[in-house]
C-alpha atoms as a PDB file:
ATOM      1  CA  MET A   1      17.738  11.406 -61.054  1.00  0.00           C
ATOM      2  CA  SER A   2      16.782  11.356 -57.484  1.00  0.00           C
ATOM      3  CA  GLU A   3      14.981   8.481 -55.911  1.00  0.00           C
ATOM      4  CA  ALA A   4      12.956   9.127 -52.790  1.00  0.00           C
ATOM      5  CA  ALA A   5      13.044   6.415 -50.175  1.00  0.00           C
ATOM      6  CA  SER A   6       9.620   5.102 -49.338  1.00  0.00           C
ATOM      7  CA  SER A   7       8.555   4.855 -45.731  1.00  0.00           C
ATOM      8  CA  ILE A   8       7.981   1.161 -45.271  1.00  0.00           C
ATOM      9  CA  ASP A   9       7.581  -0.312 -41.830  1.00  0.00           C
ATOM     10  CA  LEU A  10      10.355  -2.801 -41.263  1.00  0.00           C
ATOM     11  CA  ALA A  11       9.600  -5.612 -38.822  1.00  0.00           C
ATOM     12  CA  TYR A  12      13.182  -5.744 -37.555  1.00  0.00           C
ATOM     13  CA  ALA A  13      13.511  -1.983 -37.031  1.00  0.00           C
ATOM     14  CA  LEU A  14      10.829  -1.435 -34.426  1.00  0.00           C
ATOM     15  CA  PRO A  15      11.793   0.789 -31.514  1.00  0.00           C
ATOM     16  CA  ALA A  16      12.419  -0.942 -28.217  1.00  0.00           C
ATOM     17  CA  PRO A  17       9.460  -0.728 -25.859  1.00  0.00           C
ATOM     18  CA  ARG A  18       9.845   1.779 -23.056  1.00  0.00           C
ATOM     19  CA  HIS A  19       8.507   0.667 -19.694  1.00  0.00           C
ATOM     20  CA  GLY A  20       9.191   3.813 -17.679  1.00  0.00           C
ATOM     21  CA  ALA A  21       5.552   4.715 -17.060  1.00  0.00           C
ATOM     22  CA  LYS A  22       4.656   1.153 -16.063  1.00  0.00           C
ATOM     23  CA  VAL A  23       7.537   0.988 -13.593  1.00  0.00           C
ATOM     24  CA  TRP A  24       6.493   4.285 -12.010  1.00  0.00           C
ATOM     25  CA  ALA A  25       2.882   3.104 -11.755  1.00  0.00           C
ATOM     26  CA  ALA A  26       3.963  -0.112 -10.026  1.00  0.00           C
ATOM     27  CA  ALA A  27       6.211   1.876  -7.671  1.00  0.00           C
ATOM     28  CA  VAL A  28       3.306   4.152  -6.738  1.00  0.00           C
ATOM     29  CA  ILE A  29       1.127   1.096  -6.033  1.00  0.00           C
ATOM     30  CA  ILE A  30       3.807  -0.384  -3.769  1.00  0.00           C
ATOM     31  CA  GLY A  31       4.230   3.005  -2.052  1.00  0.00           C
ATOM     32  CA  ALA A  32       0.469   3.161  -1.438  1.00  0.00           C
ATOM     33  CA  GLY A  33       0.697  -0.294   0.155  1.00  0.00           C
ATOM     34  CA  LEU A  34       3.420   0.910   2.501  1.00  0.00           C
ATOM     35  CA  ALA A  35       1.367   3.997   3.358  1.00  0.00           C
ATOM     36  CA  LEU A  36      -1.558   1.743   4.275  1.00  0.00           C
ATOM     37  CA  VAL A  37       0.724  -0.217   6.620  1.00  0.00           C
ATOM     38  CA  VAL A  38       1.575   3.056   8.377  1.00  0.00           C
ATOM     39  CA  LEU A  39      -2.104   4.029   8.558  1.00  0.00           C
ATOM     40  CA  GLY A  40      -3.041   0.626  10.000  1.00  0.00           C
ATOM     41  CA  GLY A  41      -0.334   1.061  12.627  1.00  0.00           C
ATOM     42  CA  CYS A  42      -1.835   4.423  13.566  1.00  0.00           C
ATOM     43  CA  PHE A  43      -5.226   2.772  14.096  1.00  0.00           C
ATOM     44  CA  LEU A  44      -3.643   0.153  16.351  1.00  0.00           C
ATOM     45  CA  ILE A  45      -1.843   2.882  18.304  1.00  0.00           C
ATOM     46  CA  GLY A  46      -5.311   4.332  18.878  1.00  0.00           C
ATOM     47  CA  VAL A  47      -6.343   0.952  20.333  1.00  0.00           C
ATOM     48  CA  MET A  48      -3.353   1.028  22.692  1.00  0.00           C
ATOM     49  CA  ILE A  49      -4.168   4.562  23.800  1.00  0.00           C
ATOM     50  CA  THR A  50      -7.804   3.636  24.415  1.00  0.00           C
ATOM     51  CA  MET A  51      -6.806   0.608  26.494  1.00  0.00           C
ATOM     52  CA  ASN A  52      -4.192   2.652  28.440  1.00  0.00           C
ATOM     53  CA  VAL A  53      -1.379   0.253  27.653  1.00  0.00           C
ATOM     54  CA  GLY A  54       1.980   0.739  26.062  1.00  0.00           C
ATOM     55  CA  PRO A  55       5.235   2.302  27.119  1.00  0.00           C
ATOM     56  CA  MET A  56       3.571   4.803  29.459  1.00  0.00           C
ATOM     57  CA  GLY A  57       1.430   2.215  31.275  1.00  0.00           C
ATOM     58  CA  PRO A  58      -1.972   2.917  32.788  1.00  0.00           C
ATOM     59  CA  THR A  59      -2.820   6.465  33.739  1.00  0.00           C
ATOM     60  CA  PRO A  60      -2.350   7.051  37.487  1.00  0.00           C
ATOM     61  CA  GLY A  61      -5.575   7.643  39.404  1.00  0.00           C
ATOM     62  CA  GLN A  62      -7.779   6.137  36.710  1.00  0.00           C
ATOM     63  CA  PRO A  63      -9.587   2.898  37.484  1.00  0.00           C
ATOM     64  CA  GLY A  64      -8.788   0.258  34.907  1.00  0.00           C
ATOM     65  CA  GLY A  65     -10.647  -2.735  33.595  1.00  0.00           C
ATOM     66  CA  VAL A  66     -14.147  -1.311  33.045  1.00  0.00           C
ATOM     67  CA  LEU A  67     -15.008   0.326  29.751  1.00  0.00           C
ATOM     68  CA  ALA A  68     -18.323   1.652  28.499  1.00  0.00           C
ATOM     69  CA  MET A  69     -20.088  -0.026  25.597  1.00  0.00           C
ATOM     70  CA  ARG A  70     -19.220   2.865  23.277  1.00  0.00           C
ATOM     71  CA  ALA A  71     -15.524   2.292  24.055  1.00  0.00           C
ATOM     72  CA  TYR A  72     -15.844  -1.350  22.962  1.00  0.00           C
ATOM     73  CA  ILE A  73     -17.577  -0.255  19.751  1.00  0.00           C
ATOM     74  CA  PHE A  74     -14.791   2.266  19.164  1.00  0.00           C
ATOM     75  CA  LEU A  75     -12.148  -0.426  19.774  1.00  0.00           C
ATOM     76  CA  GLY A  76     -13.905  -2.773  17.360  1.00  0.00           C
ATOM     77  CA  LEU A  77     -14.004  -0.050  14.716  1.00  0.00           C
ATOM     78  CA  LEU A  78     -10.295   0.693  15.198  1.00  0.00           C
ATOM     79  CA  TYR A  79      -9.427  -3.011  14.890  1.00  0.00           C
ATOM     80  CA  VAL A  80     -11.518  -3.385  11.719  1.00  0.00           C
ATOM     81  CA  LEU A  81      -9.939  -0.293  10.160  1.00  0.00           C
ATOM     82  CA  GLY A  82      -6.417  -1.330  11.202  1.00  0.00           C
ATOM     83  CA  PHE A  83      -6.602  -4.878   9.892  1.00  0.00           C
ATOM     84  CA  GLY A  84      -8.495  -3.697   6.806  1.00  0.00           C
ATOM     85  CA  CYS A  85      -5.570  -1.383   6.044  1.00  0.00           C
ATOM     86  CA  PHE A  86      -3.135  -4.284   6.495  1.00  0.00           C
ATOM     87  CA  GLY A  87      -5.188  -6.476   4.155  1.00  0.00           C
ATOM     88  CA  TRP A  88      -5.358  -3.825   1.440  1.00  0.00           C
ATOM     89  CA  ALA A  89      -1.656  -3.093   1.909  1.00  0.00           C
ATOM     90  CA  ALA A  90      -0.848  -6.749   1.279  1.00  0.00           C
ATOM     91  CA  THR A  91      -3.101  -6.769  -1.795  1.00  0.00           C
ATOM     92  CA  LEU A  92      -1.520  -3.613  -3.226  1.00  0.00           C
ATOM     93  CA  SER A  93       2.028  -4.761  -2.505  1.00  0.00           C
ATOM     94  CA  VAL A  94       1.489  -8.145  -4.165  1.00  0.00           C
ATOM     95  CA  SER A  95      -0.174  -6.471  -7.161  1.00  0.00           C
ATOM     96  CA  GLY A  96       2.656  -3.955  -7.572  1.00  0.00           C
ATOM     97  CA  LEU A  97       5.352  -6.607  -7.238  1.00  0.00           C
ATOM     98  CA  LYS A  98       3.604  -8.861  -9.770  1.00  0.00           C
ATOM     99  CA  ASN A  99       3.444  -5.974 -12.227  1.00  0.00           C
ATOM    100  CA  LEU A 100       7.140  -5.179 -11.710  1.00  0.00           C
ATOM    101  CA  TYR A 101       8.037  -8.842 -12.223  1.00  0.00           C
ATOM    102  CA  ARG A 102       5.939  -8.927 -15.399  1.00  0.00           C
ATOM    103  CA  ILE A 103       7.736  -5.828 -16.714  1.00  0.00           C
ATOM    104  CA  LEU A 104      11.149  -7.307 -15.941  1.00  0.00           C
ATOM    105  CA  ARG A 105      10.283 -10.580 -17.663  1.00  0.00           C
ATOM    106  CA  ALA A 106       8.965  -8.782 -20.769  1.00  0.00           C
ATOM    107  CA  THR A 107      12.292  -7.190 -21.677  1.00  0.00           C
END
């Protein structure tokens, strides 16, 4: 006589949850936040180039101090984009770190 074992779900024999995909997703979110920090820095480098300041100093032979209205609009746009990138970078980094902390606390 052969008895076939029935497939009954046992509450104590559940497989351990695997969090690999969630960890990778959180890491990508944190990486996107760091990329936005770099992008915001590039916008602020554009501000420095427009204002002729920085390590190279003002351009010789170019009068300084007077900018056209379109230059001020361009500077304002660069500042908004730069600080917008920093704000979104902070939001993404906090979100990714909260998700990683939640994953670590779940196991």
